[in-house]
C-alpha atoms as a PDB file:
ATOM      1  CA  MET A   1      73.592 113.211  97.847  1.00  0.00           C
ATOM      2  CA  LYS A   2      73.120 109.561  98.746  1.00  0.00           C
ATOM      3  CA  ASN A   3      76.655 108.155  99.002  1.00  0.00           C
ATOM      4  CA  THR A   4      79.555 110.578  98.804  1.00  0.00           C
ATOM      5  CA  HIS A   5      82.142 107.808  98.780  1.00  0.00           C
ATOM      6  CA  SER A   6      80.789 105.736  95.903  1.00  0.00           C
ATOM      7  CA  LEU A   7      83.379 105.041  93.206  1.00  0.00           C
ATOM      8  CA  SER A   8      80.702 105.676  90.591  1.00  0.00           C
ATOM      9  CA  HIS A   9      80.787 109.368  91.558  1.00  0.00           C
ATOM     10  CA  LEU A  10      84.426 109.855  90.553  1.00  0.00           C
ATOM     11  CA  PRO A  11      85.129 111.821  87.367  1.00  0.00           C
ATOM     12  CA  SER A  12      87.080 110.437  84.447  1.00  0.00           C
ATOM     13  CA  GLN A  13      90.852 110.521  84.612  1.00  0.00           C
ATOM     14  CA  TYR A  14      90.799 112.920  81.671  1.00  0.00           C
ATOM     15  CA  ALA A  15      88.642 115.346  83.673  1.00  0.00           C
ATOM     16  CA  ILE A  16      90.936 115.095  86.689  1.00  0.00           C
ATOM     17  CA  ASP A  17      94.033 115.706  84.578  1.00  0.00           C
ATOM     18  CA  SER A  18      92.434 118.562  82.678  1.00  0.00           C
ATOM     19  CA  ILE A  19      91.352 120.501  85.764  1.00  0.00           C
ATOM     20  CA  ALA A  20      94.574 119.708  87.669  1.00  0.00           C
ATOM     21  CA  ASN A  21      96.608 121.314  84.872  1.00  0.00           C
ATOM     22  CA  TYR A  22      95.229 124.714  85.887  1.00  0.00           C
ATOM     23  CA  LEU A  23      97.725 124.567  88.745  1.00  0.00           C
ATOM     24  CA  TYR A  24     100.428 125.530  86.213  1.00  0.00           C
ATOM     25  CA  GLU A  25      98.568 128.679  85.242  1.00  0.00           C
ATOM     26  CA  LEU A  26      97.910 129.564  88.876  1.00  0.00           C
ATOM     27  CA  THR A  27     101.607 129.366  89.718  1.00  0.00           C
ATOM     28  CA  GLU A  28     102.674 131.659  86.848  1.00  0.00           C
ATOM     29  CA  LYS A  29     103.979 135.012  88.040  1.00  0.00           C
ATOM     30  CA  ASN A  30     101.691 137.372  86.138  1.00  0.00           C
ATOM     31  CA  HIS A  31      98.428 135.469  85.950  1.00  0.00           C
ATOM     32  CA  ASP A  32      95.037 137.150  85.839  1.00  0.00           C
ATOM     33  CA  TYR A  33      93.160 135.418  88.650  1.00  0.00           C
ATOM     34  CA  GLU A  34      89.627 136.308  87.552  1.00  0.00           C
ATOM     35  CA  ARG A  35      90.438 135.143  84.013  1.00  0.00           C
ATOM     36  CA  LEU A  36      91.721 131.848  85.442  1.00  0.00           C
ATOM     37  CA  LEU A  37      88.528 131.419  87.476  1.00  0.00           C
ATOM     38  CA  GLY A  38      86.491 132.142  84.355  1.00  0.00           C
ATOM     39  CA  LYS A  39      88.370 129.450  82.440  1.00  0.00           C
ATOM     40  CA  LEU A  40      87.897 126.951  85.240  1.00  0.00           C
ATOM     41  CA  LYS A  41      84.203 127.793  85.397  1.00  0.00           C
ATOM     42  CA  LYS A  42      83.721 127.284  81.664  1.00  0.00           C
ATOM     43  CA  ASP A  43      85.842 124.124  81.346  1.00  0.00           C
ATOM     44  CA  PRO A  44      83.559 121.495  79.832  1.00  0.00           C
ATOM     45  CA  ASN A  45      85.140 118.788  81.994  1.00  0.00           C
ATOM     46  CA  LYS A  46      83.811 120.533  85.097  1.00  0.00           C
ATOM     47  CA  LEU A  47      80.305 119.614  83.997  1.00  0.00           C
ATOM     48  CA  ILE A  48      81.012 115.960  84.744  1.00  0.00           C
ATOM     49  CA  PHE A  49      83.244 116.622  87.718  1.00  0.00           C
ATOM     50  CA  ALA A  50      81.008 115.775  90.659  1.00  0.00           C
ATOM     51  CA  PRO A  51      78.204 113.447  91.631  1.00  0.00           C
ATOM     52  CA  GLU A  52      74.778 114.278  90.327  1.00  0.00           C
ATOM     53  CA  GLY A  53      72.338 116.042  92.544  1.00  0.00           C
ATOM     54  CA  SER A  54      72.700 118.758  95.083  1.00  0.00           C
ATOM     55  CA  ASN A  55      75.707 118.787  97.341  1.00  0.00           C
ATOM     56  CA  LYS A  56      74.712 122.011  99.048  1.00  0.00           C
ATOM     57  CA  MET A  57      74.053 120.297 102.385  1.00  0.00           C
ATOM     58  CA  TRP A  58      77.401 118.481 102.260  1.00  0.00           C
ATOM     59  CA  MET A  59      79.137 121.820 101.600  1.00  0.00           C
ATOM     60  CA  LEU A  60      77.411 123.356 104.620  1.00  0.00           C
ATOM     61  CA  ILE A  61      78.323 120.459 106.880  1.00  0.00           C
ATOM     62  CA  MET A  62      81.819 119.523 105.654  1.00  0.00           C
ATOM     63  CA  GLY A  63      82.928 121.424 102.581  1.00  0.00           C
ATOM     64  CA  ASN A  64      83.128 124.819 104.217  1.00  0.00           C
ATOM     65  CA  ASP A  65      85.600 123.394 106.749  1.00  0.00           C
ATOM     66  CA  TYR A  66      87.999 122.868 103.851  1.00  0.00           C
ATOM     67  CA  LEU A  67      87.465 126.380 102.546  1.00  0.00           C
ATOM     68  CA  MET A  68      88.068 127.843 105.999  1.00  0.00           C
ATOM     69  CA  ASN A  69      91.187 125.716 106.597  1.00  0.00           C
ATOM     70  CA  PRO A  70      92.890 124.896 103.258  1.00  0.00           C
ATOM     71  CA  THR A  71      95.511 122.750 105.000  1.00  0.00           C
ATOM     72  CA  LEU A  72      92.783 120.096 105.162  1.00  0.00           C
ATOM     73  CA  PHE A  73      93.148 119.664 101.394  1.00  0.00           C
ATOM     74  CA  LYS A  74      96.501 117.999 101.978  1.00  0.00           C
ATOM     75  CA  HIS A  75      94.765 114.691 102.754  1.00  0.00           C
ATOM     76  CA  ALA A  76      91.321 115.242 101.241  1.00  0.00           C
ATOM     77  CA  PRO A  77      89.738 112.371  99.327  1.00  0.00           C
ATOM     78  CA  LEU A  78      89.347 112.898  95.606  1.00  0.00           C
ATOM     79  CA  ILE A  79      85.561 112.969  95.795  1.00  0.00           C
ATOM     80  CA  TYR A  80      85.691 115.841  98.328  1.00  0.00           C
ATOM     81  CA  ILE A  81      87.889 117.849  95.978  1.00  0.00           C
ATOM     82  CA  CYS A  82      85.466 117.199  93.124  1.00  0.00           C
ATOM     83  CA  ILE A  83      82.396 118.166  95.132  1.00  0.00           C
ATOM     84  CA  ILE A  84      84.006 121.354  96.431  1.00  0.00           C
ATOM     85  CA  LEU A  85      85.113 122.418  92.942  1.00  0.00           C
ATOM     86  CA  ASN A  86      81.667 121.727  91.558  1.00  0.00           C
ATOM     87  CA  GLU A  87      79.798 123.531  94.316  1.00  0.00           C
ATOM     88  CA  VAL A  88      82.080 126.573  94.497  1.00  0.00           C
ATOM     89  CA  PHE A  89      81.973 127.107  90.743  1.00  0.00           C
ATOM     90  CA  LYS A  90      78.182 127.223  90.746  1.00  0.00           C
ATOM     91  CA  GLU A  91      78.652 130.879  91.757  1.00  0.00           C
ATOM     92  CA  ASP A  92      77.887 132.977  88.670  1.00  0.00           C
ATOM     93  CA  ASP A  93      79.668 136.189  89.579  1.00  0.00           C
ATOM     94  CA  LEU A  94      83.457 135.965  89.105  1.00  0.00           C
ATOM     95  CA  GLU A  95      84.115 138.759  91.602  1.00  0.00           C
ATOM     96  CA  THR A  96      82.203 136.907  94.324  1.00  0.00           C
ATOM     97  CA  LEU A  97      83.900 133.688  93.319  1.00  0.00           C
ATOM     98  CA  ALA A  98      87.326 135.344  93.620  1.00  0.00           C
ATOM     99  CA  VAL A  99      86.472 136.390  97.190  1.00  0.00           C
ATOM    100  CA  ARG A 100      85.103 132.974  98.147  1.00  0.00           C
ATOM    101  CA  LEU A 101      87.951 131.100  96.483  1.00  0.00           C
ATOM    102  CA  PRO A 102      91.119 133.213  96.707  1.00  0.00           C
ATOM    103  CA  PRO A 103      94.458 131.850  95.442  1.00  0.00           C
ATOM    104  CA  THR A 104      95.373 130.814  98.991  1.00  0.00           C
ATOM    105  CA  ILE A 105      92.520 128.298  98.853  1.00  0.00           C
ATOM    106  CA  LEU A 106      92.556 127.382  95.156  1.00  0.00           C
ATOM    107  CA  LYS A 107      96.259 126.517  95.124  1.00  0.00           C
ATOM    108  CA  PRO A 108      96.078 123.784  97.818  1.00  0.00           C
ATOM    109  CA  LEU A 109      92.847 122.522  96.235  1.00  0.00           C
ATOM    110  CA  LEU A 110      94.439 122.176  92.796  1.00  0.00           C
ATOM    111  CA  THR A 111      97.664 120.854  94.310  1.00  0.00           C
ATOM    112  CA  ARG A 112      95.738 118.005  95.932  1.00  0.00           C
ATOM    113  CA  LEU A 113      93.851 117.328  92.709  1.00  0.00           C
ATOM    114  CA  TYR A 114      97.190 117.270  90.878  1.00  0.00           C
ATOM    115  CA  GLU A 115      98.275 114.404  93.138  1.00  0.00           C
ATOM    116  CA  PHE A 116      95.497 112.311  91.581  1.00  0.00           C
ATOM    117  CA  LYS A 117      96.688 113.135  88.065  1.00  0.00           C
ATOM    118  CA  LEU A 118      98.255 110.420  85.939  1.00  0.00           C
ATOM    119  CA  HIS A 119     101.766 111.461  85.048  1.00  0.00           C
END
Protein backbone atom coordinates (compact mmCIF):
# COMPACT_ATOMS: atom_id res chain seq x y z
CA MET A 1 0.00 0.00 0.00
CA LYS A 2 1.44 3.36 -0.97
CA ASN A 3 0.04 5.81 1.60
CA THR A 4 -1.88 4.40 4.53
CA HIS A 5 -2.88 7.83 5.80
CA SER A 6 -4.41 9.23 2.62
CA LEU A 7 -7.94 10.56 3.10
CA SER A 8 -8.89 8.99 -0.22
CA HIS A 9 -8.55 5.56 1.42
CA LEU A 10 -11.31 6.17 3.97
CA PRO A 11 -14.62 4.37 3.46
CA SER A 12 -17.94 6.14 3.12
CA GLN A 13 -19.72 7.23 6.26
CA TYR A 14 -22.49 4.79 5.39
CA ALA A 15 -19.98 1.92 5.40
CA ILE A 16 -18.53 3.02 8.73
CA ASP A 17 -21.98 3.30 10.31
CA SER A 18 -23.13 -0.01 8.87
CA ILE A 19 -20.18 -2.03 10.16
CA ALA A 20 -20.09 -0.18 13.51
CA ASN A 21 -23.70 -1.22 14.16
CA TYR A 22 -22.54 -4.82 14.56
CA LEU A 23 -21.35 -3.76 18.01
CA TYR A 24 -24.99 -3.97 19.15
CA GLU A 25 -25.26 -7.58 18.07
CA LEU A 26 -21.93 -8.44 19.68
CA THR A 27 -23.06 -7.07 23.03
CA GLU A 28 -26.32 -9.06 23.07
CA LYS A 29 -26.37 -11.78 25.71
CA ASN A 30 -27.12 -14.82 23.57
CA HIS A 31 -25.40 -14.04 20.29
CA ASP A 32 -23.98 -16.69 17.99
CA TYR A 33 -20.42 -15.48 17.44
CA GLU A 34 -19.68 -17.48 14.28
CA ARG A 35 -22.97 -16.30 12.76
CA LEU A 36 -22.00 -12.70 13.58
CA LEU A 37 -18.60 -13.18 11.94
CA GLY A 38 -20.32 -14.66 8.89
CA LYS A 39 -22.58 -11.62 8.63
CA LEU A 40 -19.65 -9.25 8.98
CA LYS A 41 -17.75 -11.18 6.33
CA LYS A 42 -20.63 -11.04 3.86
CA ASP A 43 -21.60 -7.40 4.49
CA PRO A 44 -21.42 -5.69 1.10
CA ASN A 45 -20.05 -2.52 2.71
CA LYS A 46 -16.94 -4.43 3.75
CA LEU A 47 -15.99 -4.70 0.09
CA ILE A 48 -15.28 -0.97 -0.01
CA PHE A 49 -13.94 -0.76 3.52
CA ALA A 50 -10.20 -0.50 2.99
CA PRO A 51 -7.67 0.89 0.56
CA GLU A 52 -7.15 -1.02 -2.63
CA GLY A 53 -4.23 -3.34 -2.93
CA SER A 54 -2.57 -5.68 -0.54
CA ASN A 55 -2.17 -4.66 3.06
CA LYS A 56 -0.59 -7.95 4.08
CA MET A 57 2.79 -6.36 4.78
CA TRP A 58 1.21 -3.60 6.88
CA MET A 59 -0.63 -6.27 8.90
CA LEU A 60 2.64 -8.11 9.52
CA ILE A 61 4.45 -4.96 10.59
CA MET A 62 1.75 -3.05 12.50
CA GLY A 63 -1.67 -4.67 12.35
CA ASN A 64 -0.78 -7.74 14.34
CA ASP A 65 0.31 -5.50 17.23
CA TYR A 66 -3.32 -4.40 17.51
CA LEU A 67 -4.59 -7.97 17.42
CA MET A 68 -2.12 -9.00 20.12
CA ASN A 69 -2.93 -5.98 22.32
CA PRO A 70 -6.54 -4.84 21.73
CA THR A 71 -6.13 -1.90 24.11
CA LEU A 72 -4.29 -0.22 21.23
CA PHE A 73 -7.64 0.11 19.45
CA LYS A 74 -8.64 2.76 21.97
CA HIS A 75 -6.70 5.40 20.01
CA ALA A 76 -6.32 3.74 16.62
CA PRO A 77 -6.81 5.88 13.52
CA LEU A 78 -9.85 5.07 11.43
CA ILE A 79 -7.78 3.84 8.50
CA TYR A 80 -6.03 1.28 10.75
CA ILE A 81 -9.39 -0.07 11.89
CA CYS A 82 -10.52 -0.35 8.27
CA ILE A 83 -7.37 -2.11 7.12
CA ILE A 84 -7.46 -4.58 10.01
CA LEU A 85 -11.12 -5.42 9.41
CA ASN A 86 -10.48 -5.90 5.72
CA GLU A 87 -7.39 -8.05 6.16
CA VAL A 88 -8.76 -10.23 8.98
CA PHE A 89 -11.97 -10.96 7.10
CA LYS A 90 -10.07 -12.24 4.09
CA GLU A 91 -9.88 -15.51 6.05
CA ASP A 92 -12.38 -17.90 4.44
CA ASP A 93 -12.89 -20.35 7.28
CA LEU A 94 -15.18 -18.99 10.02
CA GLU A 95 -13.72 -21.31 12.65
CA THR A 96 -10.21 -20.01 11.98
CA LEU A 97 -11.54 -16.48 11.90
CA ALA A 98 -13.21 -16.97 15.29
CA VAL A 99 -9.86 -18.05 16.75
CA ARG A 100 -7.94 -15.18 15.16
CA LEU A 101 -10.57 -12.60 16.04
CA PRO A 102 -12.24 -13.62 19.32
CA PRO A 103 -14.85 -11.35 20.96
CA THR A 104 -12.15 -9.91 23.23
CA ILE A 105 -10.53 -8.41 20.13
CA LEU A 106 -13.59 -7.71 17.98
CA LYS A 107 -15.39 -5.75 20.70
CA PRO A 108 -12.67 -3.07 21.15
CA LEU A 109 -12.24 -2.95 17.37
CA LEU A 110 -15.94 -2.31 16.77
CA THR A 111 -16.12 0.03 19.76
CA ARG A 112 -13.42 2.21 18.23
CA LEU A 113 -15.13 2.11 14.84
CA TYR A 114 -18.38 3.11 16.56
CA GLU A 115 -16.66 6.28 17.78
CA PHE A 116 -16.33 7.33 14.13
CA LYS A 117 -20.03 6.74 13.50
CA LEU A 118 -22.32 9.69 12.88
CA HIS A 119 -24.98 9.75 15.54
